[in-house]
Amino acid sequence: MNENDLIYGFAKEHVIEASGLIALMLPQTFGAGIAVKAMDGRYKLVNQAMQSYFRKTSEQFTSLTDAELFPSEVAEQLQRSDAQIMAGAATCSDQLDCVVDGRPFQCLWFKFPVHGPDGQLQYIGAAMLDTARMGNIDKMQKSLEFLQHSNQELQKTLAELSKLASTDKLTGAWNRRRLEEALVNEMDRLARYDQALSMLVIDIDFFKKVNDVHGHTVGDQVLVTLANVLQSKLRASDTLTRWGGEEFVVLCPNTTLPTATILAERLRDSIAKTTFPVVGSVTISLGVAECMAGETWEAWFKRADTALYRAKELGRNQVEIAHETAERDGAVKSMAANLVRLSWHAAYESGNQVIDEQHRGLFLDANNLLGAVLSARPEAEVAALVNTLIKDVVQHFKEEEVIISAAGYPRATEHAAIHSALIDKAVLLVKHFHEGTLTMGELFQFLARDVIARHILGADREFFAYLQPKPQS
C-alpha cells in the first residue's frame, strides 16, 4: 500500500478533516516529515519523508509511540508538547538533538491540532524538519501559520456545510436527514431508559389552493411564516422538520401523549390566529402519536400520519390522536385509555366558527384528561390538564353567552345559569382531585354526561337556529 492509498483510506474513514489533508500535502513542497498521532500517543499515519528519516516502512511505523522511537528524555519532551496541544495550543515546537538508531538526529518538530467532524481534538499532527536544511525553516514556520489559519477557516466552513446539509433551505427547519439522525438517539433512549417520545405530523390545509391562486412565491412565503410561528411556540427540546411540501414533523423528546396533544393544540391555535401576507388566514391539521416500546419508526410515523388524515376528514383545522397510544404501564391501562374517548362529529357543529372551535377544544381537553387519569400519569401532569380544562370551559362559557345574546336567543339568561351550575360542579371536582377523593366515575360523568351529552349536545342545540344567517328579504 503506497502513501496515497494510506491517506485516502484514512480520510475516507472520517478520521481527519480537510485541514489534516493540507498538512499531509506540505512535504510535496518542503520535504518535511509529516505524521498523525492518535490521542493514545500511537502514530496512525506517516508520509514517505518521515519514513525515510527513521528508515521504517509505513507498516513498521504504525502504532509506534515516541518512547519506542526516541530516547526517554526526548520522548518526555515530545509528550509535554502533546499536552500543550491537548490544552488548546494552536501550534508548538521542539528542537530535538539526539541519537536515533546510532545516527545523530537534529530537527525541529512542530505540532498542530487535527480536529474531527464535531470540532473536537481527535489527533495531533506533527511536522518534522531537518535543521541541516536551514533555508526551509522560515518557509516551514510561515506554512504552519498558514495551516493554522486554514484549519480555522476550514472548521468554520465545515460547520456551515454541516448546517446546510441538515436544514431545509427555504424554512430553516431540519430536513429529513437531520431528523433521521436524531431519531436514532431518541428511540435508543426510549428503549434503554423508558423515556417518553412523541411526534406531531402537521399539514397545511388547502395549501394547493394557495399556490394555484397566489402562485408559488406566495406559497413559499406562507411556508416560511408558518415555520417561524411553529418554531416560536416549541419548547427548547422540541425540533421542527420540514418533511416535504407543506408537511412538517415535530419531534418531542421526553414527552407523553397528553402533553404532546396540548402542544399540538397550541400550535394549531397559533397558526389560526396568524395573519399571513397576501393570503390572510391559514389553518393546519395535526396528528399526534407517542412511540410505543419496541415500535419501529415506520409504524410510529404511520400512526401519526393516519391521525393527521383523520383530522382532515373530520373538517381540518383540528388535532387528532393516533388510535394506538403508547402506554408503558401495561396493556390493560392502554386498552382502557383508548376505549374511553369522546369523538367529535361534524353533526355537532352549530354553524358559529368560534363556538365550534371551542367545542372541539373541550372534546380534546376531556380526552387528554381521561387518557392521563386512566394511564396513571404523574399527579402534576394530571393537575395541569385539569387546570387547562377548567380554564377553557370558563372562557368558552363567557364567549358563548356573548354570542347567543347578540344573536337574540331569548333564553340566554337561563343558559348562563346552566353555565354557572356547571362551573360550580367543576370547582367541586377540582377540590376532590386535590383531596385525592376524585373517582374515575365522577370525572367521566361530569365530562361525558354533564358537559358533553347534556350541555354541548343538548342545551346548546336549542340556540343553533339563532346563529344561522337570516335570509334577505
Protein backbone atom coordinates (compact mmCIF):
# COMPACT_ATOMS: atom_id res chain seq x y z
CA MET A 1 0.00 0.00 0.00
CA ASN A 2 1.54 3.37 -1.04
CA GLU A 3 1.33 6.74 0.73
CA ASN A 4 -1.62 7.98 -1.34
CA ASP A 5 -3.61 4.87 -0.53
CA LEU A 6 -2.96 5.36 3.18
CA ILE A 7 -4.02 9.00 3.08
CA TYR A 8 -7.12 8.20 1.07
CA GLY A 9 -8.14 5.37 3.37
CA PHE A 10 -7.54 7.48 6.46
CA ALA A 11 -9.65 10.35 5.14
CA LYS A 12 -12.39 8.06 3.84
CA GLU A 13 -12.96 6.78 7.37
CA HIS A 14 -13.50 10.41 8.51
CA VAL A 15 -10.54 10.16 10.83
CA ILE A 16 -9.20 13.53 9.68
CA GLU A 17 -10.79 16.55 8.03
CA ALA A 18 -9.51 18.64 5.14
CA SER A 19 -7.19 20.54 7.49
CA GLY A 20 -5.29 17.34 8.13
CA LEU A 21 -5.00 16.62 4.43
CA ILE A 22 -3.46 20.04 3.82
CA ALA A 23 -0.82 19.17 6.39
CA LEU A 24 -0.09 15.93 4.59
CA MET A 25 0.49 17.85 1.37
CA LEU A 26 3.23 20.02 2.88
CA PRO A 27 6.02 17.53 2.16
CA GLN A 28 5.37 17.87 -1.56
CA THR A 29 6.86 21.38 -1.32
CA PHE A 30 9.18 21.41 1.67
CA GLY A 31 10.33 17.82 2.12
CA ALA A 32 9.03 17.81 5.67
CA GLY A 33 8.25 14.67 7.57
CA ILE A 34 4.56 14.57 8.47
CA ALA A 35 2.81 12.30 10.93
CA VAL A 36 -0.60 11.98 12.56
CA LYS A 37 -0.70 10.68 16.13
CA ALA A 38 -3.76 9.32 17.95
CA MET A 39 -4.71 10.58 21.40
CA ASP A 40 -3.20 7.46 22.96
CA GLY A 41 0.22 8.53 21.66
CA ARG A 42 0.47 6.00 18.84
CA TYR A 43 1.22 7.09 15.29
CA LYS A 44 -1.54 6.35 12.79
CA LEU A 45 -0.19 7.79 9.55
CA VAL A 46 3.22 8.98 8.30
CA ASN A 47 4.43 10.21 4.93
CA GLN A 48 7.42 9.00 2.95
CA ALA A 49 9.71 11.73 4.23
CA MET A 50 9.07 10.67 7.82
CA GLN A 51 9.62 7.04 6.90
CA SER A 52 12.99 7.86 5.34
CA TYR A 53 14.17 9.79 8.41
CA PHE A 54 13.54 6.76 10.62
CA ARG A 55 14.27 4.12 7.95
CA LYS A 56 10.95 2.40 8.60
CA THR A 57 8.09 1.43 6.35
CA SER A 58 4.61 2.80 7.00
CA GLU A 59 3.56 -0.60 8.37
CA GLN A 60 6.54 -0.64 10.77
CA PHE A 61 5.82 2.94 11.86
CA THR A 62 2.09 2.47 12.55
CA SER A 63 1.19 2.08 16.22
CA LEU A 64 4.67 3.07 17.48
CA THR A 65 4.96 5.66 20.25
CA ASP A 66 7.58 8.35 20.87
CA ALA A 67 9.00 6.19 23.64
CA GLU A 68 9.70 3.48 21.06
CA LEU A 69 11.29 5.91 18.59
CA PHE A 70 13.37 8.23 20.78
CA PRO A 71 15.48 8.19 23.93
CA SER A 72 13.41 8.61 27.10
CA GLU A 73 14.32 12.29 27.69
CA VAL A 74 13.29 13.21 24.11
CA ALA A 75 10.09 11.19 24.38
CA GLU A 76 9.19 13.08 27.57
CA GLN A 77 9.90 16.38 25.80
CA LEU A 78 7.52 15.44 22.97
CA GLN A 79 4.84 14.32 25.44
CA ARG A 80 4.94 17.79 27.06
CA SER A 81 4.28 19.46 23.72
CA ASP A 82 1.46 16.97 23.10
CA ALA A 83 -0.07 18.14 26.37
CA GLN A 84 0.09 21.75 25.16
CA ILE A 85 -1.89 20.84 22.02
CA MET A 86 -4.42 18.95 24.15
CA ALA A 87 -4.74 22.05 26.33
CA GLY A 88 -5.74 24.11 23.29
CA ALA A 89 -2.48 25.46 21.86
CA ALA A 90 -2.69 26.33 18.16
CA THR A 91 0.89 25.15 17.50
CA CYS A 92 4.03 24.33 19.47
CA SER A 93 7.54 23.23 18.58
CA ASP A 94 10.50 21.29 19.95
CA GLN A 95 14.14 21.26 18.91
CA LEU A 96 15.42 17.71 19.05
CA ASP A 97 19.11 16.81 19.32
CA CYS A 98 19.70 13.13 19.98
CA VAL A 99 20.87 9.82 18.53
CA VAL A 100 18.33 7.57 16.78
CA ASP A 101 19.42 4.10 15.58
CA GLY A 102 23.07 5.08 16.13
CA ARG A 103 22.78 8.22 13.96
CA PRO A 104 22.88 11.87 15.06
CA PHE A 105 19.35 13.31 14.86
CA GLN A 106 18.81 17.07 14.81
CA CYS A 107 15.49 18.56 13.77
CA LEU A 108 12.68 20.97 14.52
CA TRP A 109 9.49 19.17 15.49
CA PHE A 110 6.24 21.18 15.05
CA LYS A 111 2.88 20.11 16.50
CA PHE A 112 -0.62 21.19 15.41
CA PRO A 113 -4.17 20.02 16.25
CA VAL A 114 -6.26 17.88 13.90
CA HIS A 115 -9.96 18.22 14.66
CA GLY A 116 -12.71 15.71 13.97
CA PRO A 117 -16.09 16.38 12.31
CA ASP A 118 -17.53 17.50 15.66
CA GLY A 119 -14.85 20.16 16.12
CA GLN A 120 -13.16 18.26 18.95
CA LEU A 121 -9.44 17.46 19.02
CA GLN A 122 -9.11 13.99 17.57
CA TYR A 123 -5.46 13.68 16.52
CA ILE A 124 -2.17 15.52 16.94
CA GLY A 125 -0.31 16.37 13.75
CA ALA A 126 3.47 16.56 13.67
CA ALA A 127 5.75 18.16 11.07
CA MET A 128 9.48 17.40 11.28
CA LEU A 129 12.17 19.45 9.50
CA ASP A 130 15.86 18.55 9.34
CA THR A 131 17.85 21.52 10.74
CA ALA A 132 20.51 20.85 8.12
CA ARG A 133 18.06 22.36 5.66
CA MET A 134 18.01 25.74 7.41
CA GLY A 135 16.75 27.53 4.32
CA ASN A 136 13.41 25.80 4.70
CA ILE A 137 12.79 26.73 8.34
CA ASP A 138 11.33 30.18 7.70
CA LYS A 139 9.15 28.78 4.96
CA MET A 140 8.06 25.97 7.21
CA GLN A 141 7.12 28.39 10.01
CA LYS A 142 5.09 30.53 7.61
CA SER A 143 3.41 27.49 6.15
CA LEU A 144 2.45 26.29 9.64
CA GLU A 145 0.95 29.70 10.43
CA PHE A 146 -0.95 29.49 7.16
CA LEU A 147 -2.01 25.97 8.08
CA GLN A 148 -3.43 27.14 11.41
CA HIS A 149 -5.39 29.90 9.71
CA SER A 150 -6.63 27.46 7.07
CA ASN A 151 -7.52 25.00 9.81
CA GLN A 152 -9.77 27.57 11.49
CA GLU A 153 -11.37 28.63 8.22
CA LEU A 154 -11.97 25.02 7.22
CA GLN A 155 -13.59 24.20 10.56
CA LYS A 156 -15.90 27.19 10.11
CA THR A 157 -16.72 26.11 6.57
CA LEU A 158 -17.31 22.53 7.64
CA ALA A 159 -19.73 23.70 10.34
CA GLU A 160 -21.61 25.80 7.79
CA LEU A 161 -21.71 22.92 5.32
CA SER A 162 -22.96 20.59 8.05
CA LYS A 163 -25.75 23.03 8.84
CA LEU A 164 -26.69 23.37 5.16
CA ALA A 165 -26.72 19.61 4.78
CA SER A 166 -29.11 19.16 7.70
CA THR A 167 -31.60 22.01 7.25
CA ASP A 168 -34.31 22.90 4.78
CA LYS A 169 -33.05 25.75 2.61
CA LEU A 170 -36.40 27.59 2.46
CA THR A 171 -37.69 27.42 6.03
CA GLY A 172 -34.55 26.78 8.09
CA ALA A 173 -36.22 23.79 9.73
CA TRP A 174 -34.48 20.44 9.90
CA ASN A 175 -34.61 18.25 6.81
CA ARG A 176 -35.36 14.53 6.74
CA ARG A 177 -31.72 13.57 7.03
CA ARG A 178 -31.28 15.52 10.27
CA LEU A 179 -34.49 14.10 11.73
CA GLU A 180 -33.47 10.54 10.93
CA GLU A 181 -30.12 11.11 12.64
CA ALA A 182 -31.83 12.44 15.77
CA LEU A 183 -34.35 9.60 15.81
CA VAL A 184 -31.60 7.05 16.30
CA ASN A 185 -30.62 8.62 19.63
CA GLU A 186 -34.15 9.39 20.82
CA MET A 187 -35.54 5.94 20.11
CA ASP A 188 -32.49 4.46 21.80
CA ARG A 189 -33.31 6.49 24.93
CA LEU A 190 -36.86 5.15 24.80
CA ALA A 191 -35.57 1.58 24.58
CA ARG A 192 -32.88 1.99 27.25
CA TYR A 193 -34.40 4.35 29.80
CA ASP A 194 -38.13 4.21 29.03
CA GLN A 195 -38.20 7.94 28.27
CA ALA A 196 -41.41 9.06 26.59
CA LEU A 197 -41.17 10.16 22.96
CA SER A 198 -43.94 11.77 20.93
CA MET A 199 -44.38 13.16 17.45
CA LEU A 200 -46.68 15.65 15.69
CA VAL A 201 -47.29 15.43 11.96
CA ILE A 202 -48.56 18.74 10.56
CA ASP A 203 -50.12 19.56 7.19
CA ILE A 204 -51.30 22.93 5.88
CA ASP A 205 -54.96 22.86 4.96
CA PHE A 206 -55.78 23.65 1.29
CA PHE A 207 -52.18 24.60 0.52
CA LYS A 208 -52.57 23.64 -3.14
CA LYS A 209 -55.21 26.35 -3.42
CA VAL A 210 -52.72 28.90 -2.10
CA ASN A 211 -50.25 28.01 -4.84
CA ASP A 212 -52.93 27.88 -7.53
CA VAL A 213 -54.49 31.23 -6.63
CA HIS A 214 -51.49 33.27 -5.47
CA GLY A 215 -48.52 31.49 -7.04
CA HIS A 216 -45.61 29.53 -5.63
CA THR A 217 -43.72 32.61 -4.43
CA VAL A 218 -46.56 33.46 -2.07
CA GLY A 219 -46.79 29.77 -1.17
CA ASP A 220 -43.13 29.84 -0.16
CA GLN A 221 -43.79 32.91 1.99
CA VAL A 222 -46.57 31.02 3.74
CA LEU A 223 -44.21 28.12 4.45
CA VAL A 224 -41.55 30.43 5.88
CA THR A 225 -44.01 32.35 8.08
CA LEU A 226 -45.64 29.14 9.28
CA ALA A 227 -42.28 27.58 10.16
CA ASN A 228 -41.27 30.70 12.11
CA VAL A 229 -44.52 30.70 14.09
CA LEU A 230 -44.22 27.00 14.87
CA GLN A 231 -40.60 27.39 15.96
CA SER A 232 -41.53 30.26 18.28
CA LYS A 233 -44.13 28.10 20.08
CA LEU A 234 -41.99 24.98 20.51
CA ARG A 235 -40.10 24.12 23.68
CA ALA A 236 -36.31 24.08 23.74
CA SER A 237 -36.22 20.28 23.46
CA ASP A 238 -38.65 20.09 20.52
CA THR A 239 -37.48 20.12 16.91
CA LEU A 240 -39.24 21.11 13.70
CA THR A 241 -38.60 19.24 10.45
CA ARG A 242 -39.92 20.03 7.00
CA TRP A 243 -40.97 16.58 5.92
CA GLY A 244 -41.85 17.60 2.38
CA GLY A 245 -44.00 20.12 0.57
CA GLU A 246 -46.42 21.59 3.12
CA GLU A 247 -45.94 18.81 5.68
CA PHE A 248 -43.89 19.20 8.85
CA VAL A 249 -42.91 16.92 11.73
CA VAL A 250 -42.30 17.97 15.34
CA LEU A 251 -40.23 15.56 17.44
CA CYS A 252 -40.94 15.86 21.19
CA PRO A 253 -38.40 14.03 23.38
CA ASN A 254 -39.35 13.05 26.93
CA THR A 255 -42.99 13.94 26.18
CA THR A 256 -46.11 11.88 26.82
CA LEU A 257 -49.16 11.80 24.56
CA PRO A 258 -51.32 14.19 26.66
CA THR A 259 -48.54 16.79 26.81
CA ALA A 260 -47.83 16.45 23.09
CA THR A 261 -51.53 16.88 22.35
CA ILE A 262 -51.65 20.08 24.37
CA LEU A 263 -48.65 21.33 22.39
CA ALA A 264 -50.36 20.38 19.12
CA GLU A 265 -53.48 22.33 20.07
CA ARG A 266 -51.33 25.33 20.98
CA LEU A 267 -49.65 25.20 17.57
CA ARG A 268 -52.98 24.84 15.77
CA ASP A 269 -54.42 27.83 17.62
CA SER A 270 -51.32 29.98 16.99
CA ILE A 271 -51.41 29.36 13.24
CA ALA A 272 -55.16 30.01 13.09
CA LYS A 273 -54.59 33.40 14.74
CA THR A 274 -51.67 34.37 12.48
CA THR A 275 -52.21 36.78 9.59
CA PHE A 276 -50.21 35.67 6.56
CA PRO A 277 -49.14 38.24 3.92
CA VAL A 278 -51.37 38.21 0.82
CA VAL A 279 -53.17 35.02 1.86
CA GLY A 280 -54.63 36.23 5.15
CA SER A 281 -55.58 33.21 7.26
CA VAL A 282 -54.19 29.68 7.10
CA THR A 283 -55.05 26.62 9.17
CA ILE A 284 -53.28 23.35 9.89
CA SER A 285 -54.32 19.81 10.76
CA LEU A 286 -52.24 17.71 13.13
CA GLY A 287 -51.81 14.05 14.03
CA VAL A 288 -50.23 13.12 17.37
CA ALA A 289 -48.66 9.79 18.35
CA GLU A 290 -46.48 8.59 21.21
CA CYS A 291 -43.91 5.95 20.32
CA MET A 292 -44.63 2.56 21.84
CA ALA A 293 -41.92 0.37 23.30
CA GLY A 294 -40.48 -1.81 20.56
CA GLU A 295 -42.26 0.13 17.82
CA THR A 296 -40.38 0.91 14.60
CA TRP A 297 -40.06 4.43 13.24
CA GLU A 298 -42.13 3.46 10.19
CA ALA A 299 -45.03 2.10 12.27
CA TRP A 300 -44.93 5.08 14.63
CA PHE A 301 -44.96 7.60 11.77
CA LYS A 302 -47.77 5.74 10.03
CA ARG A 303 -49.98 6.01 13.13
CA ALA A 304 -49.32 9.75 13.40
CA ASP A 305 -49.89 10.24 9.68
CA THR A 306 -53.17 8.30 9.82
CA ALA A 307 -54.31 10.53 12.68
CA LEU A 308 -53.44 13.58 10.57
CA TYR A 309 -55.61 12.45 7.68
CA ARG A 310 -58.41 11.64 10.07
CA ALA A 311 -58.21 15.26 11.25
CA LYS A 312 -58.57 16.39 7.64
CA GLU A 313 -61.52 14.09 7.01
CA LEU A 314 -63.28 15.45 10.11
CA GLY A 315 -63.12 19.01 8.82
CA ARG A 316 -59.47 20.18 9.09
CA ASN A 317 -58.06 22.79 11.49
CA GLN A 318 -58.01 20.29 14.33
CA VAL A 319 -55.86 17.81 16.26
CA GLU A 320 -56.38 14.05 16.17
CA ILE A 321 -54.65 11.46 18.36
CA ALA A 322 -53.35 8.18 16.96
CA HIS A 323 -55.65 5.28 17.92
CA GLU A 324 -52.97 3.02 19.37
CA THR A 325 -51.44 5.16 22.10
CA ALA A 326 -48.14 4.32 23.72
CA GLU A 327 -48.58 3.03 27.24
CA ARG A 328 -45.70 1.89 29.32
CA ASP A 329 -47.64 0.90 32.41
CA GLY A 330 -49.35 -2.15 30.97
CA ALA A 331 -51.67 -3.31 28.20
CA VAL A 332 -54.80 -3.13 30.38
CA LYS A 333 -54.37 0.59 31.05
CA SER A 334 -53.61 1.17 27.38
CA MET A 335 -56.81 -0.53 26.32
CA ALA A 336 -58.87 1.46 28.82
CA ALA A 337 -57.30 4.76 27.79
CA ASN A 338 -58.14 4.04 24.15
CA LEU A 339 -61.70 2.86 24.75
CA VAL A 340 -62.75 5.80 26.96
CA ARG A 341 -62.62 8.51 24.33
CA LEU A 342 -65.06 11.23 23.28
CA SER A 343 -65.35 11.64 19.50
CA TRP A 344 -66.26 14.86 17.72
CA HIS A 345 -68.50 14.71 14.66
CA ALA A 346 -69.44 17.32 12.09
CA ALA A 347 -73.11 16.89 13.11
CA TYR A 348 -72.28 18.60 16.42
CA GLU A 349 -71.41 21.89 14.72
CA SER A 350 -73.53 24.96 15.44
CA GLY A 351 -72.52 26.98 12.42
CA ASN A 352 -70.66 29.56 14.50
CA GLN A 353 -66.91 29.23 13.98
CA VAL A 354 -65.90 30.42 17.45
CA ILE A 355 -68.32 28.13 19.30
CA ASP A 356 -67.47 25.11 17.13
CA GLU A 357 -63.73 25.57 17.59
CA GLN A 358 -64.14 25.87 21.33
CA HIS A 359 -66.40 22.81 21.47
CA ARG A 360 -63.75 20.79 19.62
CA GLY A 361 -61.17 22.13 22.05
CA LEU A 362 -63.23 20.95 25.02
CA PHE A 363 -63.52 17.48 23.47
CA LEU A 364 -59.73 17.46 23.17
CA ASP A 365 -59.24 18.68 26.75
CA ALA A 366 -61.62 15.98 28.04
CA ASN A 367 -59.84 13.22 26.09
CA ASN A 368 -56.44 14.37 27.30
CA LEU A 369 -57.59 14.36 30.91
CA LEU A 370 -59.35 10.99 30.68
CA GLY A 371 -56.33 9.44 28.99
CA ALA A 372 -53.95 10.81 31.60
CA VAL A 373 -56.06 9.55 34.52
CA LEU A 374 -56.55 6.09 33.02
CA SER A 375 -52.86 5.87 32.15
CA ALA A 376 -51.89 6.81 35.70
CA ARG A 377 -49.75 9.72 34.60
CA PRO A 378 -47.92 11.75 37.30
CA GLU A 379 -50.13 13.91 39.51
CA ALA A 380 -48.52 17.15 38.33
CA GLU A 381 -49.30 16.25 34.72
CA VAL A 382 -52.94 15.45 35.52
CA ALA A 383 -53.25 18.65 37.56
CA ALA A 384 -52.06 20.69 34.57
CA LEU A 385 -54.69 19.03 32.37
CA VAL A 386 -57.41 19.69 34.96
CA ASN A 387 -56.45 23.37 35.09
CA THR A 388 -56.44 23.60 31.29
CA LEU A 389 -59.91 22.06 31.05
CA ILE A 390 -61.44 24.33 33.69
CA LYS A 391 -59.85 27.42 32.18
CA ASP A 392 -61.11 26.52 28.69
CA VAL A 393 -64.61 25.72 29.98
CA VAL A 394 -64.91 29.07 31.79
CA GLN A 395 -63.58 31.01 28.79
CA HIS A 396 -65.92 29.17 26.42
CA PHE A 397 -68.98 29.85 28.59
CA LYS A 398 -68.20 33.56 28.71
CA GLU A 399 -67.76 33.88 24.94
CA GLU A 400 -70.77 31.69 24.18
CA GLU A 401 -73.02 33.86 26.36
CA VAL A 402 -71.95 36.98 24.47
CA ILE A 403 -72.57 35.32 21.09
CA ILE A 404 -76.02 33.92 21.84
CA SER A 405 -77.18 37.19 23.45
CA ALA A 406 -76.08 39.10 20.36
CA ALA A 407 -77.88 36.55 18.18
CA GLY A 408 -81.14 37.26 20.02
CA TYR A 409 -81.54 33.90 21.78
CA PRO A 410 -84.48 34.51 24.17
CA ARG A 411 -83.29 32.05 26.84
CA ALA A 412 -79.75 33.42 27.05
CA THR A 413 -80.13 34.22 30.77
CA GLU A 414 -81.31 30.68 31.57
CA HIS A 415 -78.42 29.28 29.55
CA ALA A 416 -75.97 31.39 31.55
CA ALA A 417 -77.42 29.91 34.73
CA ILE A 418 -76.65 26.40 33.39
CA HIS A 419 -73.09 27.53 32.79
CA SER A 420 -72.82 28.79 36.34
CA ALA A 421 -74.03 25.47 37.76
CA LEU A 422 -71.51 23.52 35.65
CA ILE A 423 -68.67 25.76 36.80
CA ASP A 424 -69.68 25.21 40.44
CA LYS A 425 -69.58 21.46 39.84
CA ALA A 426 -66.20 21.74 38.14
CA VAL A 427 -64.80 23.62 41.14
CA LEU A 428 -66.06 20.83 43.40
CA LEU A 429 -64.34 18.21 41.21
CA VAL A 430 -61.07 20.13 41.40
CA LYS A 431 -61.41 20.14 45.20
CA HIS A 432 -61.95 16.38 45.20
CA PHE A 433 -58.94 15.93 42.94
CA HIS A 434 -56.59 17.80 45.26
CA GLU A 435 -58.02 15.91 48.23
CA GLY A 436 -57.37 12.63 46.43
CA THR A 437 -61.05 11.60 46.52
CA LEU A 438 -61.94 12.16 42.84
CA THR A 439 -63.11 8.87 41.28
CA MET A 440 -62.91 7.93 37.63
CA GLY A 441 -66.70 7.52 37.51
CA GLU A 442 -67.28 11.00 38.92
CA LEU A 443 -64.87 12.55 36.42
CA PHE A 444 -66.31 10.66 33.44
CA GLN A 445 -69.91 11.53 34.37
CA PHE A 446 -69.07 15.21 34.57
CA LEU A 447 -67.16 15.30 31.26
CA ALA A 448 -69.17 12.84 29.17
CA ARG A 449 -72.65 13.29 30.61
CA ASP A 450 -72.90 16.81 32.07
CA VAL A 451 -70.60 18.82 29.78
CA ILE A 452 -70.74 16.88 26.51
CA ALA A 453 -74.04 14.97 26.32
CA ARG A 454 -76.40 17.16 28.31
CA HIS A 455 -74.92 20.55 27.59
CA ILE A 456 -72.93 20.73 24.33
CA LEU A 457 -75.09 18.17 22.54
CA GLY A 458 -78.29 19.03 24.41
CA ALA A 459 -78.89 22.51 25.79
CA ASP A 460 -76.61 24.19 23.29
CA ARG A 461 -78.56 22.85 20.31
CA GLU A 462 -81.53 24.98 21.34
CA PHE A 463 -79.79 28.17 20.20
CA PHE A 464 -78.28 26.78 16.97
CA ALA A 465 -81.15 28.15 14.88
CA TYR A 466 -80.48 31.67 16.11
CA LEU A 467 -76.87 31.50 14.88
CA GLN A 468 -77.79 30.82 11.24
CA PRO A 469 -77.60 33.70 8.73
CA LYS A 470 -81.00 35.37 8.39
CA PRO A 471 -82.50 35.23 4.85
CA GLN A 472 -82.51 38.50 2.96
CA SER A 473 -85.90 39.94 2.01
